[in-house]
Structure formats: C-alpha cells, structure tokens
Amino acid sequence: MSEMEEGRVLPQSVQQSAAAYAVIREQFRGAVSDFDANETMPFFEVLETEKWPEIALFMRDHPKLKFNYMACLSGVDYPAEEQLGIVCNLESIGEFPHRIAVKVKCPREGGSIPTAAYVWHTANWHEREAYDMFGMQFTNHPDHRRILCPEDWEGFPLRKDYRVQESYHGIKVPY
C-alpha cells in the first residue's frame, strides 16, 4: 500500500506491515482496530479480546503472513482506562520483511487475556513476567506463576499505583 498518510508517503517497511494488516483485517473485520502506521512500530489493537488466540494462530500460519517470531511481549498499565494490556512485537523471520505490534487489553480488576503461549513458545515467559509485574491474568496459561518476584511478594511492582512494602520477611525493602 503506497497510500499517503497526512500528506506523506509511508516508508516501505510500514507499507509492508500495512499489507500484512490488510490480510488480518479482511479475516477479522471488527475484532481488530484500524491500522496505526507508526513508523517505529506499526500496530493494531485486538478489540475482541477472546479472539486473540484465533488471531494469533492466523497471523502465525497464514501463508501471506507467517509471523513466526514473537520478539517481545510487554505488559502495560492503563489506570485512566482501568485496563491492563499487552503489546506483542511480531515478525516474520526468514519469510517476509514485515513486522507489526499487536495490543490486547482487559479490565484492570478481574480481567484476563487468553494466552499466546501455545502459538509462540516465547510468550510463556513473557506472560509470566506480565503477570508478576502487573498482575495480569492469562487464561489457559501452562505455568501461570511469578517468574521474577518470590511467590509471597505483595502486589505488582510495575502497576502505576504500586506501593513498595516496607519489609519482606523482616528485611527492609529499599526504595
């Protein structure tokens, strides 16, 4: 797609990502947001969270997409929206030159996102980190437990409203 955006021609890498997105949008229509042609990392959001596993498998297996590599999965706290989310950076290594980020959100309290650990094995540890740091729940995760903090750690350190506990097992926690 060599369309103009805000009076400028999109870089080739963004055009390649936009073409990949068009295949996803055609299949999932209203379950995904519009494409954001961000030059650093183009992205879209999954609007129907429960469809994330189906979208992920489609992105990995479709012959025109082959997003076979999850470079990163980062947790995000959106307190103003009362949501938590993930941002997955996906690439097609050795197949196509496109890459894209996918955002998936859920309610901050009581919400969950279906795991992608069965699609990209690297998601297993990334999702555990998002759980450990943000308290994000991943339904059907194969090993849903803390990965960085001790199991009895209080709270989730990367939430914007996190308050550092004063001590842990009688040891002063530095702040």
N, C-alpha and C. Protein backbone atom coordinates (compact mmCIF):
# COMPACT_ATOMS: atom_id res chain seq x y z
N MET A 1 0.85 -1.18 0.00
CA MET A 1 0.00 0.00 0.00
C MET A 1 0.88 1.23 0.00
N SER A 2 0.89 1.95 -1.07
CA SER A 2 1.69 3.17 -1.10
C SER A 2 0.80 4.39 -0.97
N GLU A 3 -0.14 4.29 -0.06
CA GLU A 3 -1.07 5.39 0.16
C GLU A 3 -0.41 6.49 0.97
N MET A 4 -0.92 7.69 0.82
CA MET A 4 -0.43 8.83 1.57
C MET A 4 -1.12 8.86 2.93
N GLU A 5 -0.38 9.24 3.95
CA GLU A 5 -0.96 9.43 5.27
C GLU A 5 -0.50 10.80 5.74
N GLU A 6 -1.45 11.66 6.03
CA GLU A 6 -1.15 13.02 6.47
C GLU A 6 -0.21 13.71 5.51
N GLY A 7 -0.42 13.49 4.21
CA GLY A 7 0.36 14.17 3.19
C GLY A 7 1.76 13.63 2.99
N ARG A 8 2.05 12.44 3.44
CA ARG A 8 3.39 11.88 3.24
C ARG A 8 3.26 10.43 2.76
N VAL A 9 4.29 9.99 2.08
CA VAL A 9 4.33 8.61 1.62
C VAL A 9 4.87 7.76 2.76
N LEU A 10 4.21 6.67 3.04
CA LEU A 10 4.65 5.78 4.12
C LEU A 10 5.94 5.07 3.71
N PRO A 11 6.86 4.90 4.65
CA PRO A 11 8.08 4.14 4.35
C PRO A 11 7.73 2.71 3.91
N GLN A 12 8.61 2.11 3.13
CA GLN A 12 8.35 0.77 2.61
C GLN A 12 8.06 -0.23 3.72
N SER A 13 8.79 -0.14 4.83
CA SER A 13 8.57 -1.10 5.93
C SER A 13 7.15 -0.97 6.49
N VAL A 14 6.64 0.25 6.57
CA VAL A 14 5.28 0.46 7.07
C VAL A 14 4.26 -0.02 6.03
N GLN A 15 4.57 0.20 4.77
CA GLN A 15 3.69 -0.30 3.70
C GLN A 15 3.59 -1.83 3.76
N GLN A 16 4.72 -2.50 4.03
CA GLN A 16 4.71 -3.97 4.13
C GLN A 16 3.87 -4.42 5.33
N SER A 17 3.99 -3.71 6.43
CA SER A 17 3.18 -4.03 7.61
C SER A 17 1.70 -3.77 7.34
N ALA A 18 1.41 -2.69 6.62
CA ALA A 18 0.03 -2.35 6.28
C ALA A 18 -0.58 -3.44 5.38
N ALA A 19 0.21 -3.97 4.46
CA ALA A 19 -0.28 -5.05 3.59
C ALA A 19 -0.59 -6.30 4.41
N ALA A 20 0.26 -6.62 5.38
CA ALA A 20 0.00 -7.76 6.26
C ALA A 20 -1.25 -7.52 7.09
N TYR A 21 -1.38 -6.31 7.61
CA TYR A 21 -2.56 -5.95 8.40
C TYR A 21 -3.83 -6.12 7.57
N ALA A 22 -3.79 -5.74 6.29
CA ALA A 22 -4.98 -5.84 5.43
C ALA A 22 -5.49 -7.29 5.36
N VAL A 23 -4.58 -8.26 5.37
CA VAL A 23 -4.98 -9.67 5.36
C VAL A 23 -5.68 -10.01 6.68
N ILE A 24 -5.14 -9.49 7.78
CA ILE A 24 -5.73 -9.73 9.11
C ILE A 24 -7.10 -9.08 9.19
N ARG A 25 -7.19 -7.83 8.74
CA ARG A 25 -8.46 -7.08 8.82
C ARG A 25 -9.55 -7.74 7.97
N GLU A 26 -9.16 -8.25 6.81
CA GLU A 26 -10.13 -8.92 5.94
C GLU A 26 -10.75 -10.13 6.64
N GLN A 27 -9.94 -10.85 7.41
CA GLN A 27 -10.41 -12.04 8.11
C GLN A 27 -11.20 -11.71 9.37
N PHE A 28 -10.77 -10.68 10.11
CA PHE A 28 -11.33 -10.45 11.44
C PHE A 28 -12.15 -9.16 11.58
N ARG A 29 -12.24 -8.39 10.53
CA ARG A 29 -13.07 -7.17 10.47
C ARG A 29 -13.12 -6.38 11.78
N GLY A 30 -14.28 -6.33 12.43
CA GLY A 30 -14.49 -5.52 13.62
C GLY A 30 -13.82 -6.02 14.89
N ALA A 31 -13.19 -7.18 14.84
CA ALA A 31 -12.48 -7.70 16.01
C ALA A 31 -11.13 -7.02 16.20
N VAL A 32 -10.69 -6.27 15.17
CA VAL A 32 -9.42 -5.55 15.24
C VAL A 32 -9.64 -4.08 14.91
N SER A 33 -8.80 -3.22 15.48
CA SER A 33 -8.90 -1.78 15.25
C SER A 33 -8.35 -1.43 13.87
N ASP A 34 -8.41 -0.16 13.56
CA ASP A 34 -7.75 0.34 12.37
C ASP A 34 -6.24 0.21 12.55
N PHE A 35 -5.52 0.24 11.46
CA PHE A 35 -4.06 0.16 11.45
C PHE A 35 -3.47 1.51 11.85
N ASP A 36 -2.49 1.50 12.72
CA ASP A 36 -1.76 2.71 13.07
C ASP A 36 -0.38 2.62 12.40
N ALA A 37 -0.13 3.51 11.46
CA ALA A 37 1.09 3.47 10.65
C ALA A 37 2.27 4.12 11.36
N ASN A 38 2.44 3.83 12.62
CA ASN A 38 3.56 4.35 13.40
C ASN A 38 4.86 3.86 12.77
N GLU A 39 5.77 4.79 12.45
CA GLU A 39 6.99 4.41 11.74
C GLU A 39 7.94 3.58 12.60
N THR A 40 7.92 3.77 13.91
CA THR A 40 8.79 2.99 14.77
C THR A 40 8.31 1.55 14.85
N MET A 41 7.02 1.36 15.06
CA MET A 41 6.44 0.03 15.09
C MET A 41 4.95 0.15 14.78
N PRO A 42 4.56 -0.12 13.54
CA PRO A 42 3.14 -0.07 13.20
C PRO A 42 2.36 -1.07 14.05
N PHE A 43 1.10 -0.74 14.35
CA PHE A 43 0.35 -1.63 15.24
C PHE A 43 -1.14 -1.56 14.97
N PHE A 44 -1.84 -2.53 15.58
CA PHE A 44 -3.30 -2.52 15.67
C PHE A 44 -3.66 -3.12 17.01
N GLU A 45 -4.92 -2.93 17.40
CA GLU A 45 -5.40 -3.47 18.67
C GLU A 45 -6.45 -4.53 18.42
N VAL A 46 -6.40 -5.59 19.21
CA VAL A 46 -7.45 -6.60 19.19
C VAL A 46 -8.59 -6.06 20.05
N LEU A 47 -9.73 -5.81 19.44
CA LEU A 47 -10.87 -5.22 20.14
C LEU A 47 -11.73 -6.27 20.84
N GLU A 48 -11.72 -7.48 20.34
CA GLU A 48 -12.46 -8.59 20.94
C GLU A 48 -11.43 -9.55 21.54
N THR A 49 -11.09 -9.30 22.79
CA THR A 49 -10.00 -10.00 23.48
C THR A 49 -10.11 -11.51 23.37
N GLU A 50 -11.30 -12.06 23.44
CA GLU A 50 -11.46 -13.51 23.40
C GLU A 50 -11.01 -14.11 22.07
N LYS A 51 -10.89 -13.28 21.03
CA LYS A 51 -10.46 -13.78 19.72
C LYS A 51 -8.94 -13.75 19.54
N TRP A 52 -8.22 -13.28 20.56
CA TRP A 52 -6.77 -13.17 20.45
C TRP A 52 -6.10 -14.48 20.04
N PRO A 53 -6.42 -15.65 20.63
CA PRO A 53 -5.74 -16.88 20.20
C PRO A 53 -5.99 -17.21 18.73
N GLU A 54 -7.20 -16.99 18.28
CA GLU A 54 -7.53 -17.27 16.87
C GLU A 54 -6.77 -16.31 15.95
N ILE A 55 -6.70 -15.05 16.32
CA ILE A 55 -5.97 -14.06 15.53
C ILE A 55 -4.48 -14.40 15.52
N ALA A 56 -3.94 -14.77 16.69
CA ALA A 56 -2.53 -15.13 16.79
C ALA A 56 -2.18 -16.31 15.89
N LEU A 57 -2.99 -17.37 15.95
CA LEU A 57 -2.75 -18.54 15.08
C LEU A 57 -2.84 -18.16 13.60
N PHE A 58 -3.80 -17.35 13.26
CA PHE A 58 -3.95 -16.89 11.88
C PHE A 58 -2.70 -16.14 11.44
N MET A 59 -2.23 -15.25 12.30
CA MET A 59 -1.04 -14.46 11.96
C MET A 59 0.20 -15.35 11.81
N ARG A 60 0.31 -16.37 12.62
CA ARG A 60 1.46 -17.26 12.53
C ARG A 60 1.39 -18.18 11.31
N ASP A 61 0.19 -18.69 10.98
CA ASP A 61 0.06 -19.75 10.00
C ASP A 61 -0.36 -19.33 8.60
N HIS A 62 -0.93 -18.14 8.44
CA HIS A 62 -1.39 -17.73 7.10
C HIS A 62 -0.19 -17.61 6.15
N PRO A 63 -0.30 -18.18 4.94
CA PRO A 63 0.85 -18.19 4.03
C PRO A 63 1.34 -16.80 3.59
N LYS A 64 0.51 -15.78 3.70
CA LYS A 64 0.94 -14.43 3.34
C LYS A 64 1.46 -13.64 4.55
N LEU A 65 1.37 -14.24 5.74
CA LEU A 65 1.77 -13.53 6.96
C LEU A 65 3.00 -14.16 7.61
N LYS A 66 2.87 -15.41 8.07
CA LYS A 66 3.97 -16.15 8.69
C LYS A 66 4.70 -15.36 9.79
N PHE A 67 3.92 -14.78 10.71
CA PHE A 67 4.52 -14.12 11.88
C PHE A 67 5.00 -15.23 12.82
N ASN A 68 6.21 -15.70 12.57
CA ASN A 68 6.74 -16.86 13.27
C ASN A 68 7.61 -16.52 14.47
N TYR A 69 7.74 -15.24 14.77
CA TYR A 69 8.64 -14.83 15.86
C TYR A 69 8.00 -13.74 16.72
N MET A 70 7.87 -14.03 18.01
CA MET A 70 7.43 -13.01 18.97
C MET A 70 8.69 -12.44 19.60
N ALA A 71 9.07 -11.24 19.19
CA ALA A 71 10.28 -10.61 19.70
C ALA A 71 10.11 -10.17 21.14
N CYS A 72 8.91 -9.75 21.48
CA CYS A 72 8.68 -9.22 22.82
C CYS A 72 7.18 -9.21 23.13
N LEU A 73 6.86 -9.38 24.39
CA LEU A 73 5.51 -9.17 24.89
C LEU A 73 5.69 -8.34 26.14
N SER A 74 5.15 -7.13 26.14
CA SER A 74 5.30 -6.21 27.27
C SER A 74 3.95 -5.95 27.91
N GLY A 75 3.94 -5.93 29.23
CA GLY A 75 2.73 -5.55 29.96
C GLY A 75 2.63 -4.04 30.03
N VAL A 76 1.40 -3.53 30.10
CA VAL A 76 1.16 -2.09 30.19
C VAL A 76 0.00 -1.87 31.16
N ASP A 77 0.13 -0.83 31.98
CA ASP A 77 -0.93 -0.44 32.92
C ASP A 77 -1.57 0.83 32.38
N TYR A 78 -2.87 0.80 32.18
CA TYR A 78 -3.63 1.96 31.72
C TYR A 78 -4.62 2.35 32.81
N PRO A 79 -4.16 2.96 33.91
CA PRO A 79 -5.06 3.23 35.03
C PRO A 79 -6.20 4.17 34.68
N ALA A 80 -5.98 5.15 33.81
CA ALA A 80 -7.05 6.07 33.44
C ALA A 80 -8.20 5.35 32.73
N GLU A 81 -7.86 4.28 32.01
CA GLU A 81 -8.87 3.48 31.31
C GLU A 81 -9.34 2.29 32.14
N GLU A 82 -8.74 2.13 33.34
CA GLU A 82 -9.00 0.98 34.20
C GLU A 82 -8.77 -0.33 33.47
N GLN A 83 -7.64 -0.38 32.72
CA GLN A 83 -7.30 -1.56 31.95
C GLN A 83 -5.82 -1.91 32.12
N LEU A 84 -5.52 -3.16 31.89
CA LEU A 84 -4.17 -3.65 31.72
C LEU A 84 -4.08 -4.15 30.29
N GLY A 85 -2.88 -4.24 29.77
CA GLY A 85 -2.75 -4.72 28.40
C GLY A 85 -1.39 -5.30 28.12
N ILE A 86 -1.28 -5.89 26.95
CA ILE A 86 0.00 -6.37 26.45
C ILE A 86 0.23 -5.75 25.08
N VAL A 87 1.50 -5.62 24.74
CA VAL A 87 1.90 -5.22 23.40
C VAL A 87 2.86 -6.31 22.92
N CYS A 88 2.49 -6.97 21.85
CA CYS A 88 3.29 -8.05 21.29
C CYS A 88 3.96 -7.57 20.01
N ASN A 89 5.29 -7.65 19.97
CA ASN A 89 6.03 -7.28 18.77
C ASN A 89 6.30 -8.56 17.99
N LEU A 90 5.73 -8.63 16.80
CA LEU A 90 5.78 -9.84 15.99
C LEU A 90 6.52 -9.59 14.68
N GLU A 91 7.25 -10.61 14.24
CA GLU A 91 8.00 -10.51 12.99
C GLU A 91 7.87 -11.81 12.22
N SER A 92 8.13 -11.70 10.93
CA SER A 92 8.20 -12.87 10.06
C SER A 92 9.67 -13.06 9.71
N ILE A 93 10.33 -13.95 10.42
CA ILE A 93 11.76 -14.17 10.23
C ILE A 93 11.99 -15.19 9.12
N GLY A 94 12.78 -14.80 8.12
CA GLY A 94 13.13 -15.71 7.04
C GLY A 94 12.02 -15.95 6.03
N GLU A 95 10.89 -15.28 6.20
CA GLU A 95 9.76 -15.48 5.29
C GLU A 95 9.41 -14.19 4.55
N PHE A 96 9.05 -13.16 5.32
CA PHE A 96 8.63 -11.88 4.76
C PHE A 96 9.30 -10.75 5.54
N PRO A 97 9.38 -9.56 4.95
CA PRO A 97 10.04 -8.46 5.66
C PRO A 97 9.13 -7.65 6.58
N HIS A 98 7.90 -8.12 6.83
CA HIS A 98 7.00 -7.31 7.64
C HIS A 98 7.11 -7.62 9.14
N ARG A 99 6.71 -6.61 9.92
CA ARG A 99 6.66 -6.72 11.37
C ARG A 99 5.52 -5.84 11.84
N ILE A 100 4.97 -6.17 13.00
CA ILE A 100 3.82 -5.41 13.49
C ILE A 100 3.70 -5.63 15.01
N ALA A 101 3.13 -4.67 15.68
CA ALA A 101 2.82 -4.82 17.10
C ALA A 101 1.31 -5.01 17.23
N VAL A 102 0.94 -5.83 18.19
CA VAL A 102 -0.48 -6.10 18.46
C VAL A 102 -0.73 -5.76 19.92
N LYS A 103 -1.75 -4.94 20.16
CA LYS A 103 -2.15 -4.59 21.52
C LYS A 103 -3.41 -5.36 21.89
N VAL A 104 -3.42 -5.89 23.10
CA VAL A 104 -4.60 -6.59 23.62
C VAL A 104 -4.82 -6.08 25.04
N LYS A 105 -6.05 -5.68 25.37
CA LYS A 105 -6.35 -5.12 26.68
C LYS A 105 -7.45 -5.92 27.38
N CYS A 106 -7.49 -5.73 28.72
CA CYS A 106 -8.54 -6.34 29.53
C CYS A 106 -8.81 -5.43 30.72
N PRO A 107 -9.94 -5.62 31.41
CA PRO A 107 -10.19 -4.82 32.61
C PRO A 107 -9.07 -4.99 33.64
N ARG A 108 -8.74 -3.90 34.31
CA ARG A 108 -7.65 -3.89 35.29
C ARG A 108 -7.96 -4.82 36.47
N GLU A 109 -9.18 -4.86 36.90
CA GLU A 109 -9.58 -5.73 38.01
C GLU A 109 -10.47 -6.85 37.47
N GLY A 110 -10.02 -8.08 37.65
CA GLY A 110 -10.83 -9.23 37.26
C GLY A 110 -10.78 -9.60 35.80
N GLY A 111 -10.02 -8.89 35.01
CA GLY A 111 -9.94 -9.20 33.58
C GLY A 111 -8.85 -10.21 33.27
N SER A 112 -8.90 -10.76 32.08
CA SER A 112 -7.85 -11.69 31.65
C SER A 112 -7.73 -11.65 30.13
N ILE A 113 -6.59 -12.11 29.68
CA ILE A 113 -6.29 -12.21 28.25
C ILE A 113 -5.96 -13.67 27.97
N PRO A 114 -6.48 -14.25 26.92
CA PRO A 114 -6.12 -15.64 26.60
C PRO A 114 -4.62 -15.74 26.28
N THR A 115 -4.00 -16.82 26.72
CA THR A 115 -2.57 -17.00 26.49
C THR A 115 -2.23 -17.16 25.02
N ALA A 116 -1.03 -16.73 24.66
CA ALA A 116 -0.49 -16.97 23.32
C ALA A 116 0.67 -17.97 23.40
N ALA A 117 0.85 -18.58 24.57
CA ALA A 117 1.97 -19.49 24.80
C ALA A 117 1.91 -20.74 23.91
N TYR A 118 0.73 -21.09 23.43
CA TYR A 118 0.60 -22.25 22.56
C TYR A 118 0.85 -21.88 21.10
N VAL A 119 0.93 -20.58 20.83
CA VAL A 119 1.19 -20.10 19.47
C VAL A 119 2.67 -19.79 19.31
N TRP A 120 3.20 -18.98 20.22
CA TRP A 120 4.63 -18.65 20.25
C TRP A 120 5.14 -19.06 21.63
N HIS A 121 6.06 -19.99 21.69
CA HIS A 121 6.54 -20.50 22.98
C HIS A 121 7.20 -19.42 23.83
N THR A 122 7.77 -18.41 23.20
CA THR A 122 8.37 -17.32 23.98
C THR A 122 7.33 -16.58 24.81
N ALA A 123 6.07 -16.64 24.42
CA ALA A 123 5.02 -15.96 25.18
C ALA A 123 4.90 -16.53 26.59
N ASN A 124 5.29 -17.77 26.79
CA ASN A 124 5.19 -18.39 28.11
C ASN A 124 5.88 -17.52 29.16
N TRP A 125 7.15 -17.25 28.98
CA TRP A 125 7.89 -16.47 29.98
C TRP A 125 7.49 -15.00 29.96
N HIS A 126 7.23 -14.46 28.79
CA HIS A 126 6.80 -13.05 28.71
C HIS A 126 5.49 -12.84 29.46
N GLU A 127 4.55 -13.75 29.30
CA GLU A 127 3.27 -13.63 30.00
C GLU A 127 3.46 -13.80 31.51
N ARG A 128 4.36 -14.67 31.90
CA ARG A 128 4.63 -14.82 33.34
C ARG A 128 5.19 -13.52 33.92
N GLU A 129 6.05 -12.86 33.16
CA GLU A 129 6.58 -11.57 33.61
C GLU A 129 5.47 -10.53 33.71
N ALA A 130 4.58 -10.48 32.72
CA ALA A 130 3.45 -9.53 32.76
C ALA A 130 2.55 -9.83 33.97
N TYR A 131 2.38 -11.10 34.29
CA TYR A 131 1.62 -11.46 35.48
C TYR A 131 2.35 -10.98 36.74
N ASP A 132 3.62 -11.27 36.82
CA ASP A 132 4.42 -10.95 38.00
C ASP A 132 4.50 -9.44 38.24
N MET A 133 4.68 -8.67 37.20
CA MET A 133 4.89 -7.23 37.35
C MET A 133 3.59 -6.41 37.36
N PHE A 134 2.54 -6.92 36.69
CA PHE A 134 1.29 -6.16 36.56
C PHE A 134 0.07 -6.86 37.16
N GLY A 135 0.19 -8.14 37.48
CA GLY A 135 -0.96 -8.89 37.98
C GLY A 135 -1.90 -9.31 36.87
N MET A 136 -1.42 -9.29 35.65
CA MET A 136 -2.25 -9.64 34.50
C MET A 136 -2.53 -11.14 34.48
N GLN A 137 -3.77 -11.50 34.27
CA GLN A 137 -4.17 -12.90 34.21
C GLN A 137 -4.20 -13.37 32.76
N PHE A 138 -3.67 -14.57 32.52
CA PHE A 138 -3.68 -15.17 31.18
C PHE A 138 -4.41 -16.50 31.26
N THR A 139 -5.59 -16.55 30.66
CA THR A 139 -6.38 -17.79 30.72
C THR A 139 -5.69 -18.89 29.92
N ASN A 140 -5.73 -20.09 30.49
CA ASN A 140 -5.15 -21.30 29.91
C ASN A 140 -3.64 -21.27 29.78
N HIS A 141 -2.98 -20.43 30.56
CA HIS A 141 -1.51 -20.41 30.54
C HIS A 141 -0.98 -21.70 31.15
N PRO A 142 0.05 -22.31 30.56
CA PRO A 142 0.53 -23.60 31.05
C PRO A 142 1.30 -23.55 32.38
N ASP A 143 1.77 -22.36 32.81
CA ASP A 143 2.58 -22.28 34.03
C ASP A 143 2.41 -20.88 34.64
N HIS A 144 1.19 -20.57 35.02
CA HIS A 144 0.83 -19.21 35.46
C HIS A 144 1.29 -18.97 36.90
N ARG A 145 2.55 -18.53 37.05
CA ARG A 145 3.09 -18.21 38.37
C ARG A 145 4.16 -17.12 38.19
N ARG A 146 4.55 -16.54 39.30
CA ARG A 146 5.57 -15.49 39.26
C ARG A 146 6.87 -16.03 38.66
N ILE A 147 7.63 -15.12 38.06
CA ILE A 147 8.90 -15.52 37.45
C ILE A 147 10.07 -14.69 37.98
N LEU A 148 9.81 -13.48 38.49
CA LEU A 148 10.87 -12.61 38.99
C LEU A 148 10.80 -12.41 40.50
N CYS A 149 9.62 -12.14 41.00
CA CYS A 149 9.43 -11.91 42.44
C CYS A 149 9.14 -13.24 43.15
N PRO A 150 9.42 -13.30 44.46
CA PRO A 150 9.05 -14.50 45.21
C PRO A 150 7.52 -14.68 45.20
N GLU A 151 7.09 -15.91 45.33
CA GLU A 151 5.65 -16.22 45.28
C GLU A 151 4.84 -15.42 46.31
N ASP A 152 5.43 -15.09 47.46
CA ASP A 152 4.68 -14.38 48.50
C ASP A 152 4.90 -12.86 48.47
N TRP A 153 5.44 -12.35 47.37
CA TRP A 153 5.61 -10.90 47.23
C TRP A 153 4.25 -10.23 47.20
N GLU A 154 4.15 -9.07 47.84
CA GLU A 154 2.88 -8.34 47.89
C GLU A 154 2.79 -7.35 46.74
N GLY A 155 1.73 -7.46 45.97
CA GLY A 155 1.47 -6.50 44.90
C GLY A 155 2.22 -6.78 43.61
N PHE A 156 2.09 -5.83 42.70
CA PHE A 156 2.64 -5.97 41.36
C PHE A 156 3.44 -4.71 41.03
N PRO A 157 4.78 -4.81 41.06
CA PRO A 157 5.67 -3.65 41.06
C PRO A 157 5.57 -2.67 39.90
N LEU A 158 5.08 -3.06 38.74
CA LEU A 158 5.02 -2.11 37.63
C LEU A 158 3.66 -1.45 37.44
N ARG A 159 2.71 -1.77 38.31
CA ARG A 159 1.44 -1.03 38.26
C ARG A 159 1.71 0.39 38.74
N LYS A 160 1.05 1.32 38.12
CA LYS A 160 1.31 2.73 38.43
C LYS A 160 0.91 3.11 39.85
N ASP A 161 0.03 2.34 40.47
CA ASP A 161 -0.39 2.65 41.84
C ASP A 161 0.32 1.76 42.88
N TYR A 162 1.38 1.08 42.48
CA TYR A 162 2.08 0.16 43.38
C TYR A 162 2.76 0.92 44.52
N ARG A 163 2.60 0.39 45.71
CA ARG A 163 3.27 0.93 46.90
C ARG A 163 4.25 -0.13 47.39
N VAL A 164 5.51 0.25 47.47
CA VAL A 164 6.55 -0.68 47.91
C VAL A 164 6.29 -1.09 49.35
N GLN A 165 6.32 -2.38 49.62
CA GLN A 165 6.16 -2.84 51.00
C GLN A 165 7.39 -2.42 51.81
N GLU A 166 7.19 -2.14 53.06
CA GLU A 166 8.29 -1.65 53.91
C GLU A 166 9.32 -2.73 54.20
N SER A 167 8.86 -3.96 54.36
CA SER A 167 9.81 -5.03 54.65
C SER A 167 9.31 -6.33 54.01
N TYR A 168 10.25 -7.23 53.82
CA TYR A 168 9.95 -8.56 53.28
C TYR A 168 10.68 -9.57 54.16
N HIS A 169 9.92 -10.38 54.88
CA HIS A 169 10.47 -11.37 55.82
C HIS A 169 11.46 -10.73 56.80
N GLY A 170 11.07 -9.54 57.30
CA GLY A 170 11.89 -8.86 58.29
C GLY A 170 13.05 -8.06 57.73
N ILE A 171 13.21 -8.05 56.41
CA ILE A 171 14.29 -7.30 55.76
C ILE A 171 13.71 -6.02 55.21
N LYS A 172 14.34 -4.87 55.51
CA LYS A 172 13.86 -3.59 54.99
C LYS A 172 13.99 -3.58 53.47
N VAL A 173 12.93 -3.19 52.80
CA VAL A 173 12.93 -3.11 51.36
C VAL A 173 13.38 -1.70 50.97
N PRO A 174 14.52 -1.57 50.29
CA PRO A 174 14.98 -0.23 49.89
C PRO A 174 14.07 0.37 48.83
N TYR A 175 13.92 1.68 48.90
CA TYR A 175 13.10 2.37 47.90
C TYR A 175 13.85 3.52 47.35
